[in-house]
Amino acid sequence: MTTANTEIPLSGHVSRCYATLALVALLGVAGCSKKQAATPGGTAPQAVSVNVVQSSMQSVPISLLETGSFVADESSDVAPSIAGKVIRTPASAGDFVKAGDVLCELDHRDAEFKLDQTKAQLAEATAGVRQAQQRIGLGSGGFDPAKVPEVAAAKANYESAAAQSRLASADAKRYANLIATGDVSQSVYEKMRTQADTASAQADASRQQYEAAVNSAKQSYQAVGSSQATLDAMRAQVQQAEKTLSDTTIRAPFDGYVSARPVAAGEFVTTSMTVATIVKVGVLKLQLKTPEKSAAGLKIGMPVTARVAAYGDRDFQGVTAALNPSVNPDSRTFILEARFPNPNGELRPGMFATAHVTLPGTENAVFIPQAAVVRDRTTDSNQVFVIDSGKAHLRVVTLGDTDGGRIRVLSGITAGEMVAINRQSDLYDGAPVTPQAAR
């Protein structure tokens, strides 16, 4: 909140009287004597007719007055994920961008070549895995060695040899019984026994071949697993190549304004360089340096009213959002943070603001019309003429907030005193006046 003063120059005699504020009253009397001495013939000065208004007492909310600066709700120095040469910068400083909009584009030809290469290798690895799976009969039901052609053939040979061995063994036993009764000769029996031994040996060999085929199929299955791992690695390489290609296009991380874009087409950028700075201004944070003595009365959610020089007497409304738990040991202050909606982007990061934090409760304050206040440039002070017993008395006042056409007086006058609201340029300390109630 700000003050609005009527700036009226005083006479040269009175202006020179106010070298310091501490001597206002004494030098005002001297100025009055000089004014009287200047009257022709030494006659009494003529009374000045002025309109007067009585200062009033008004109950106002208790507030804490502090100053600070606005900062962006979020600010990001956007850097590239990979190094490369800039080929396009579609966003410029001051532009509004949405999340995902392109800020900068790098040369992507190498990344495209790498992606095409890894895709070809992935296709080759996929075909190899499928062939290996088909070779060992690996289907949707999982691995079954019996479905492997080599295993199936070895199993059939083993089963045939085992059957022949059993038949030869049975014949040899039958001939052994016949030789006891003398129905066959010893030579015939020996021949049948030799055939049985041979068939048994062939069955053992066929079994070993079958087991070897099963082991070979299992090893082939393990090789398929290894090929599958290679395939998965190739898929990861394709994803990495796709990401590298995507990283050549640098996009906005959130909605906001581009506050800086320090690169241009043709430059080579690295991952440590900033290609653009994005600030989010839909909500701004006002950081107020607050004395530690005020910490006890502050809470989250208290109303805050702020003004900035760019908008004069316009009030912006916010609320306290954070209290820094640490106090600066040098300044004995801490940061009070308030959040302000900024849908139209009128407030900007870096703006200096004067803010009132509204505290619980009320207090009495003295108010006078703004027209009663004059500004003395010589002493850089605000002054008011108090009318009492037909004379004007100059007072130096300290001003506070405005409320409509009235302004708060923090010091200099009290409630109930009459103040002049016009013709201040004709008045001086001790000047005779004819007061008239203002309409």
Protein backbone atom coordinates (compact mmCIF):
# COMPACT_ATOMS: atom_id res chain seq x y z
CA MET A 1 0.00 0.00 0.00
CA THR A 2 1.24 3.52 -0.79
CA THR A 3 0.63 7.11 0.20
CA ALA A 4 -0.80 9.83 -2.01
CA ASN A 5 0.39 13.35 -1.13
CA THR A 6 -0.38 16.78 -2.47
CA GLU A 7 2.98 18.41 -3.15
CA ILE A 8 2.85 22.18 -2.50
CA PRO A 9 6.04 24.25 -2.08
CA LEU A 10 6.26 26.44 1.04
CA SER A 11 7.63 29.97 1.13
CA GLY A 12 11.37 30.42 0.98
CA HIS A 13 11.45 31.70 4.56
CA VAL A 14 9.65 28.64 5.92
CA SER A 15 11.53 26.14 3.73
CA ARG A 16 14.87 27.31 5.04
CA CYS A 17 13.58 26.88 8.61
CA TYR A 18 13.46 23.08 8.34
CA ALA A 19 17.10 22.08 8.23
CA THR A 20 16.30 19.16 10.51
CA LEU A 21 13.06 17.60 11.68
CA ALA A 22 14.05 17.94 15.31
CA LEU A 23 13.97 21.78 15.03
CA VAL A 24 10.70 22.14 13.11
CA ALA A 25 8.74 23.86 15.87
CA LEU A 26 11.42 26.45 16.81
CA LEU A 27 12.27 27.38 13.24
CA GLY A 28 8.57 27.51 12.39
CA VAL A 29 8.17 30.30 14.96
CA ALA A 30 11.12 32.13 13.46
CA GLY A 31 9.53 31.77 10.04
CA CYS A 32 6.32 33.23 11.44
CA SER A 33 8.17 36.31 12.81
CA LYS A 34 9.76 36.87 9.42
CA LYS A 35 6.38 36.60 7.76
CA GLN A 36 4.94 39.23 10.11
CA ALA A 37 7.90 41.53 9.63
CA ALA A 38 7.35 41.39 5.91
CA THR A 39 3.81 42.75 6.28
CA PRO A 40 3.64 46.41 5.00
CA GLY A 41 3.42 49.01 7.78
CA GLY A 42 3.90 46.35 10.46
CA THR A 43 0.16 45.70 10.62
CA ALA A 44 -1.17 42.30 11.70
CA PRO A 45 -1.32 39.74 8.84
CA GLN A 46 -4.71 39.05 7.34
CA ALA A 47 -6.36 35.80 8.37
CA VAL A 48 -6.49 33.11 5.70
CA SER A 49 -9.82 31.40 5.15
CA VAL A 50 -9.28 27.63 5.00
CA ASN A 51 -11.46 24.55 4.95
CA VAL A 52 -10.82 22.22 7.86
CA VAL A 53 -11.61 18.58 8.65
CA GLN A 54 -11.28 16.80 11.95
CA SER A 55 -8.88 13.88 12.12
CA SER A 56 -10.68 10.70 13.06
CA MET A 57 -9.94 7.47 14.88
CA GLN A 58 -10.65 4.30 12.97
CA SER A 59 -10.28 0.63 13.85
CA VAL A 60 -8.02 -1.17 11.34
CA PRO A 61 -6.58 -4.68 11.08
CA ILE A 62 -3.16 -5.20 12.64
CA SER A 63 -0.61 -5.69 9.89
CA LEU A 64 3.09 -6.23 9.45
CA LEU A 65 4.76 -4.04 6.82
CA GLU A 66 7.71 -5.64 5.00
CA THR A 67 9.48 -5.42 1.66
CA GLY A 68 10.77 -8.13 -0.63
CA SER A 69 11.05 -9.37 -4.19
CA PHE A 70 8.96 -11.71 -6.29
CA VAL A 71 10.53 -14.92 -7.54
CA ALA A 72 9.20 -17.48 -10.01
CA ASP A 73 7.24 -20.40 -8.60
CA GLU A 74 9.55 -22.63 -10.63
CA SER A 75 12.58 -21.81 -12.74
CA SER A 76 14.56 -24.25 -14.85
CA ASP A 77 17.86 -23.81 -16.69
CA VAL A 78 17.23 -26.37 -19.41
CA ALA A 79 20.37 -28.24 -20.52
CA PRO A 80 20.74 -30.89 -23.25
CA SER A 81 21.15 -34.56 -22.33
CA ILE A 82 23.68 -35.04 -25.11
CA ALA A 83 26.25 -32.84 -26.83
CA GLY A 84 25.69 -31.66 -30.37
CA LYS A 85 25.42 -28.83 -32.86
CA VAL A 86 22.34 -26.61 -32.67
CA ILE A 87 20.34 -26.58 -35.92
CA ARG A 88 17.13 -24.85 -34.77
CA THR A 89 15.91 -22.63 -31.91
CA PRO A 90 12.14 -22.11 -32.36
CA ALA A 91 11.62 -20.44 -28.95
CA SER A 92 12.86 -16.94 -28.20
CA ALA A 93 13.16 -14.94 -24.98
CA GLY A 94 9.74 -13.69 -23.91
CA ASP A 95 7.79 -16.50 -25.61
CA PHE A 96 5.22 -18.49 -23.67
CA VAL A 97 5.71 -22.23 -24.12
CA LYS A 98 3.75 -25.25 -23.00
CA ALA A 99 5.23 -28.42 -21.56
CA GLY A 100 6.69 -30.44 -24.43
CA ASP A 101 7.17 -27.52 -26.83
CA VAL A 102 10.51 -27.54 -28.67
CA LEU A 103 13.08 -25.13 -27.26
CA CYS A 104 16.12 -26.25 -29.22
CA GLU A 105 16.97 -28.94 -31.77
CA LEU A 106 20.37 -30.56 -32.27
CA ASP A 107 21.79 -32.29 -35.35
CA HIS A 108 20.19 -35.76 -35.28
CA ARG A 109 21.73 -37.51 -38.31
CA ASP A 110 24.23 -39.60 -36.33
CA ALA A 111 21.53 -40.62 -33.90
CA GLU A 112 19.27 -41.73 -36.77
CA PHE A 113 22.07 -43.82 -38.32
CA LYS A 114 22.77 -45.48 -34.98
CA LEU A 115 19.09 -46.26 -34.49
CA ASP A 116 18.79 -47.83 -37.96
CA GLN A 117 21.88 -49.95 -37.27
CA THR A 118 20.64 -51.26 -33.94
CA LYS A 119 17.20 -52.02 -35.41
CA ALA A 120 18.83 -54.15 -38.11
CA GLN A 121 20.88 -56.01 -35.50
CA LEU A 122 17.73 -56.54 -33.45
CA ALA A 123 15.92 -58.06 -36.44
CA GLU A 124 18.86 -60.40 -37.07
CA ALA A 125 19.00 -61.49 -33.45
CA THR A 126 15.23 -62.08 -33.40
CA ALA A 127 15.42 -64.33 -36.46
CA GLY A 128 18.30 -66.30 -34.94
CA VAL A 129 16.39 -66.96 -31.76
CA ARG A 130 13.32 -68.13 -33.67
CA GLN A 131 15.38 -70.55 -35.77
CA ALA A 132 17.05 -71.96 -32.67
CA GLN A 133 13.68 -72.40 -31.01
CA GLN A 134 12.26 -74.20 -34.00
CA ARG A 135 15.34 -76.41 -34.23
CA ILE A 136 14.80 -77.78 -30.73
CA GLY A 137 11.01 -77.79 -30.97
CA LEU A 138 10.53 -75.00 -28.46
CA GLY A 139 6.88 -73.97 -28.58
CA SER A 140 4.34 -72.18 -26.49
CA GLY A 141 4.14 -75.16 -24.11
CA GLY A 142 7.78 -74.83 -23.11
CA PHE A 143 10.82 -77.01 -23.79
CA ASP A 144 10.18 -80.75 -24.48
CA PRO A 145 13.29 -82.76 -25.57
CA ALA A 146 11.10 -85.47 -27.10
CA LYS A 147 10.00 -82.95 -29.77
CA VAL A 148 13.53 -82.48 -31.01
CA PRO A 149 13.90 -84.53 -34.23
CA GLU A 150 17.35 -85.91 -33.34
CA VAL A 151 16.10 -86.95 -29.91
CA ALA A 152 12.99 -88.57 -31.36
CA ALA A 153 15.08 -90.60 -33.86
CA ALA A 154 17.55 -91.69 -31.18
CA LYS A 155 14.68 -92.70 -28.94
CA ALA A 156 13.10 -94.79 -31.69
CA ASN A 157 16.40 -96.55 -32.38
CA TYR A 158 16.87 -97.22 -28.69
CA GLU A 159 13.38 -98.65 -28.28
CA SER A 160 13.87 -100.90 -31.35
CA ALA A 161 17.25 -102.17 -30.12
CA ALA A 162 15.85 -102.75 -26.65
CA ALA A 163 13.00 -104.81 -28.12
CA GLN A 164 15.42 -106.90 -30.20
CA SER A 165 17.60 -107.43 -27.14
CA ARG A 166 14.64 -108.68 -25.13
CA LEU A 167 13.64 -111.05 -27.95
CA ALA A 168 17.17 -112.44 -28.34
CA SER A 169 17.49 -112.91 -24.59
CA ALA A 170 14.19 -114.82 -24.48
CA ASP A 171 15.33 -117.08 -27.36
CA ALA A 172 18.63 -117.77 -25.60
CA LYS A 173 16.79 -118.83 -22.42
CA ARG A 174 14.50 -121.13 -24.39
CA TYR A 175 17.47 -122.79 -26.13
CA ALA A 176 19.19 -123.20 -22.77
CA ASN A 177 16.23 -125.29 -21.60
CA LEU A 178 16.22 -127.32 -24.82
CA ILE A 179 19.89 -128.14 -24.57
CA ALA A 180 19.22 -129.78 -21.17
CA THR A 181 16.73 -132.18 -22.78
CA GLY A 182 19.01 -132.79 -25.73
CA ASP A 183 16.60 -131.25 -28.25
CA VAL A 184 19.23 -128.85 -29.61
CA SER A 185 22.91 -129.01 -29.99
CA GLN A 186 25.42 -127.06 -27.97
CA SER A 187 26.53 -125.14 -31.04
CA VAL A 188 23.02 -123.89 -31.73
CA TYR A 189 22.63 -122.73 -28.14
CA GLU A 190 25.98 -120.90 -28.29
CA LYS A 191 24.87 -119.18 -31.45
CA MET A 192 21.61 -117.95 -29.85
CA ARG A 193 23.38 -116.77 -26.74
CA THR A 194 25.88 -114.83 -28.87
CA GLN A 195 22.96 -113.15 -30.71
CA ALA A 196 21.38 -112.23 -27.38
CA ASP A 197 24.63 -110.66 -26.12
CA THR A 198 25.03 -108.76 -29.37
CA ALA A 199 21.44 -107.46 -29.22
CA SER A 200 21.96 -106.36 -25.60
CA ALA A 201 25.15 -104.50 -26.56
CA GLN A 202 23.32 -102.78 -29.43
CA ALA A 203 20.53 -101.78 -27.07
CA ASP A 204 23.05 -100.26 -24.65
CA ALA A 205 24.68 -98.35 -27.50
CA SER A 206 21.28 -97.08 -28.70
CA ARG A 207 20.43 -95.96 -25.14
CA GLN A 208 23.68 -94.04 -24.91
CA GLN A 209 22.97 -92.38 -28.26
CA TYR A 210 19.47 -91.44 -27.06
CA GLU A 211 20.83 -89.95 -23.82
CA ALA A 212 23.46 -88.05 -25.80
CA ALA A 213 20.75 -86.64 -28.07
CA VAL A 214 18.74 -85.51 -25.04
CA ASN A 215 21.81 -83.83 -23.52
CA SER A 216 22.57 -82.15 -26.85
CA ALA A 217 18.98 -80.86 -27.04
CA LYS A 218 19.25 -79.47 -23.53
CA GLN A 219 22.50 -77.72 -24.43
CA SER A 220 20.81 -76.29 -27.50
CA TYR A 221 18.00 -75.04 -25.26
CA GLN A 222 20.54 -73.31 -23.05
CA ALA A 223 22.04 -71.78 -26.18
CA VAL A 224 18.59 -70.45 -27.02
CA GLY A 225 18.51 -68.82 -23.58
CA SER A 226 21.85 -67.20 -24.29
CA SER A 227 20.57 -66.00 -27.67
CA GLN A 228 17.49 -64.64 -25.95
CA ALA A 229 19.70 -62.66 -23.55
CA THR A 230 21.56 -61.26 -26.58
CA LEU A 231 18.21 -60.36 -28.12
CA ASP A 232 17.16 -58.55 -24.94
CA ALA A 233 20.45 -56.64 -24.96
CA MET A 234 19.81 -55.61 -28.56
CA ARG A 235 16.35 -54.38 -27.62
CA ALA A 236 17.91 -52.28 -24.87
CA GLN A 237 20.37 -50.86 -27.40
CA VAL A 238 17.49 -49.92 -29.68
CA GLN A 239 15.74 -48.18 -26.82
CA GLN A 240 18.94 -46.32 -25.97
CA ALA A 241 19.34 -45.29 -29.61
CA GLU A 242 15.73 -44.09 -29.66
CA LYS A 243 16.34 -42.05 -26.52
CA THR A 244 19.50 -40.54 -27.99
CA LEU A 245 17.53 -39.49 -31.05
CA SER A 246 14.78 -38.09 -28.84
CA ASP A 247 17.35 -36.17 -26.78
CA THR A 248 18.40 -34.22 -29.86
CA THR A 249 15.09 -32.36 -29.48
CA ILE A 250 15.10 -30.35 -26.23
CA ARG A 251 11.61 -29.60 -24.93
CA ALA A 252 10.07 -27.38 -22.25
CA PRO A 253 9.68 -29.22 -18.91
CA PHE A 254 6.55 -27.22 -17.93
CA ASP A 255 4.33 -24.33 -19.01
CA GLY A 256 6.09 -21.00 -18.62
CA TYR A 257 7.90 -18.10 -20.21
CA VAL A 258 11.32 -18.24 -21.84
CA SER A 259 13.37 -15.73 -19.84
CA ALA A 260 16.65 -16.46 -21.65
CA ARG A 261 17.85 -18.38 -24.69
CA PRO A 262 21.64 -18.02 -24.79
CA VAL A 263 22.34 -20.29 -27.79
CA ALA A 264 21.84 -19.95 -31.54
CA ALA A 265 21.90 -22.20 -34.60
CA GLY A 266 25.40 -23.38 -35.48
CA GLU A 267 26.73 -23.47 -31.91
CA PHE A 268 28.04 -26.68 -30.38
CA VAL A 269 26.55 -27.29 -26.96
CA THR A 270 27.53 -29.69 -24.19
CA THR A 271 25.53 -31.20 -21.36
CA SER A 272 26.82 -28.52 -18.97
CA MET A 273 25.43 -25.63 -21.04
CA THR A 274 22.01 -23.97 -20.71
CA VAL A 275 20.03 -23.70 -23.92
CA ALA A 276 17.03 -21.89 -22.38
CA THR A 277 15.68 -20.74 -19.03
CA ILE A 278 11.97 -21.33 -18.35
CA VAL A 279 10.08 -19.63 -15.52
CA LYS A 280 6.62 -20.53 -14.28
CA VAL A 281 4.73 -17.32 -13.46
CA GLY A 282 1.13 -18.53 -13.06
CA VAL A 283 1.90 -18.29 -9.34
CA LEU A 284 4.70 -16.13 -7.93
CA LYS A 285 6.40 -16.29 -4.57
CA LEU A 286 7.11 -13.09 -2.63
CA GLN A 287 10.07 -13.49 -0.31
CA LEU A 288 9.91 -11.01 2.57
CA LYS A 289 12.80 -10.38 4.95
CA THR A 290 11.06 -10.35 8.31
CA PRO A 291 12.53 -9.35 11.72
CA GLU A 292 12.84 -12.24 14.14
CA LYS A 293 10.67 -10.41 16.68
CA SER A 294 7.68 -10.91 14.37
CA ALA A 295 8.07 -14.67 14.15
CA ALA A 296 5.69 -15.53 16.99
CA GLY A 297 2.62 -13.97 15.38
CA LEU A 298 3.07 -15.38 11.88
CA LYS A 299 1.35 -18.47 10.56
CA ILE A 300 0.73 -20.18 7.24
CA GLY A 301 -2.36 -18.95 5.40
CA MET A 302 -2.39 -15.31 6.58
CA PRO A 303 -3.59 -12.72 4.02
CA VAL A 304 -0.89 -10.63 2.34
CA THR A 305 -1.48 -7.45 0.33
CA ALA A 306 1.35 -6.28 -1.92
CA ARG A 307 2.02 -3.32 -4.20
CA VAL A 308 4.66 -2.84 -6.87
CA ALA A 309 5.85 0.37 -8.50
CA ALA A 310 4.62 -0.69 -11.95
CA TYR A 311 0.95 -0.65 -10.87
CA GLY A 312 0.84 2.25 -8.40
CA ASP A 313 -1.97 1.89 -5.86
CA ARG A 314 -3.20 -1.47 -7.16
CA ASP A 315 -3.32 -4.18 -4.50
CA PHE A 316 -2.33 -7.78 -5.22
CA GLN A 317 -3.66 -10.41 -2.85
CA GLY A 318 -1.78 -13.47 -1.63
CA VAL A 319 -1.31 -15.68 1.42
CA THR A 320 1.66 -16.71 3.52
CA ALA A 321 2.91 -20.11 2.34
CA ALA A 322 6.20 -20.81 4.12
CA LEU A 323 8.23 -19.65 7.11
CA ASN A 324 11.96 -20.21 6.95
CA PRO A 325 12.94 -21.96 10.21
CA SER A 326 16.41 -20.34 10.21
CA VAL A 327 17.19 -16.76 11.22
CA ASN A 328 20.10 -14.95 9.57
CA PRO A 329 22.54 -14.27 12.44
CA ASP A 330 23.86 -11.11 10.74
CA SER A 331 20.59 -9.32 9.89
CA ARG A 332 18.44 -11.05 12.54
CA THR A 333 15.78 -11.66 9.90
CA PHE A 334 14.18 -14.70 8.34
CA ILE A 335 12.41 -15.25 5.02
CA LEU A 336 8.62 -15.19 5.02
CA GLU A 337 7.28 -16.55 1.73
CA ALA A 338 3.86 -15.65 0.33
CA ARG A 339 2.24 -17.03 -2.82
CA PHE A 340 0.37 -14.77 -5.25
CA PRO A 341 -1.87 -15.95 -8.10
CA ASN A 342 -0.68 -14.37 -11.34
CA PRO A 343 -2.99 -15.67 -14.09
CA ASN A 344 -2.41 -12.70 -16.42
CA GLY A 345 1.36 -12.51 -15.88
CA GLU A 346 1.21 -8.92 -14.61
CA LEU A 347 3.65 -9.61 -11.79
CA ARG A 348 7.12 -10.59 -12.88
CA PRO A 349 10.02 -12.32 -11.13
CA GLY A 350 12.41 -9.78 -9.66
CA MET A 351 9.81 -7.07 -9.01
CA PHE A 352 10.30 -5.25 -5.71
CA ALA A 353 7.17 -5.12 -3.54
CA THR A 354 5.89 -3.56 -0.34
CA ALA A 355 3.59 -5.95 1.47
CA HIS A 356 1.26 -5.95 4.45
CA VAL A 357 0.78 -9.22 6.28
CA THR A 358 -2.58 -9.10 8.06
CA LEU A 359 -2.34 -10.37 11.63
CA PRO A 360 -5.23 -11.38 13.91
CA GLY A 361 -7.04 -8.56 15.73
CA THR A 362 -7.44 -4.80 15.16
CA GLU A 363 -5.90 -1.54 16.36
CA ASN A 364 -6.93 2.14 16.46
CA ALA A 365 -5.45 4.46 13.85
CA VAL A 366 -5.70 8.18 13.05
CA PHE A 367 -6.87 9.12 9.54
CA ILE A 368 -7.02 12.46 7.71
CA PRO A 369 -7.96 13.43 4.13
CA GLN A 370 -5.13 13.06 1.62
CA ALA A 371 -5.68 16.69 0.65
CA ALA A 372 -4.42 17.75 4.09
CA VAL A 373 -0.91 16.42 3.41
CA VAL A 374 1.73 18.51 1.66
CA ARG A 375 5.14 17.32 0.61
CA ASP A 376 8.18 19.51 1.34
CA ARG A 377 10.95 18.64 -1.07
CA THR A 378 13.54 20.64 0.83
CA THR A 379 13.29 18.54 3.97
CA ASP A 380 11.87 15.46 2.22
CA SER A 381 9.03 15.33 4.72
CA ASN A 382 5.24 15.11 4.82
CA GLN A 383 3.59 18.05 6.60
CA VAL A 384 0.13 18.97 7.86
CA PHE A 385 -1.27 22.27 9.15
CA VAL A 386 -3.23 21.76 12.38
CA ILE A 387 -5.73 24.56 13.07
CA ASP A 388 -6.09 25.50 16.74
CA SER A 389 -7.35 28.78 18.34
CA GLY A 390 -7.45 30.57 15.00
CA LYS A 391 -3.84 29.77 14.08
CA ALA A 392 -2.14 27.28 11.81
CA HIS A 393 0.46 25.01 13.38
CA LEU A 394 2.85 23.10 11.14
CA ARG A 395 3.34 19.43 11.96
CA VAL A 396 5.68 16.90 10.39
CA VAL A 397 3.84 13.58 10.10
CA THR A 398 4.66 9.99 9.33
CA LEU A 399 2.15 8.42 6.99
CA GLY A 400 0.85 4.92 6.56
CA ASP A 401 -1.69 3.31 4.26
CA THR A 402 -4.42 4.95 2.25
CA ASP A 403 -8.08 4.01 2.62
CA GLY A 404 -10.09 5.56 -0.15
CA GLY A 405 -9.49 9.31 0.00
CA ARG A 406 -8.10 9.17 3.52
CA ILE A 407 -4.60 8.38 4.72
CA ARG A 408 -3.34 6.96 7.97
CA VAL A 409 -1.09 9.09 10.18
CA LEU A 410 1.36 7.06 12.21
CA SER A 411 2.78 10.03 14.14
CA GLY A 412 2.49 13.81 14.27
CA ILE A 413 -1.16 14.40 15.13
CA THR A 414 -3.83 12.83 17.29
CA ALA A 415 -7.49 12.03 16.75
CA GLY A 416 -9.87 14.99 17.03
CA GLU A 417 -7.48 17.71 15.78
CA MET A 418 -8.59 20.00 12.96
CA VAL A 419 -6.44 20.01 9.80
CA ALA A 420 -6.46 22.34 6.82
CA ILE A 421 -7.31 20.73 3.47
CA ASN A 422 -6.77 23.71 1.13
CA ARG A 423 -4.66 26.86 0.66
CA GLN A 424 -1.63 25.30 2.38
CA SER A 425 0.66 27.38 0.18
CA ASP A 426 -0.68 30.51 1.95
CA LEU A 427 -0.06 29.12 5.43
CA TYR A 428 2.95 29.07 7.70
CA ASP A 429 3.49 28.08 11.29
CA GLY A 430 1.48 30.53 13.43
CA ALA A 431 -0.43 32.07 10.53
CA PRO A 432 -3.87 33.43 11.50
CA VAL A 433 -6.70 31.52 9.85
CA THR A 434 -10.45 31.60 9.59
CA PRO A 435 -11.49 27.97 9.68
CA GLN A 436 -14.52 26.81 7.77
CA ALA A 437 -15.95 23.32 8.01
CA ALA A 438 -15.47 21.47 4.75
CA ARG A 439 -18.63 20.34 3.02
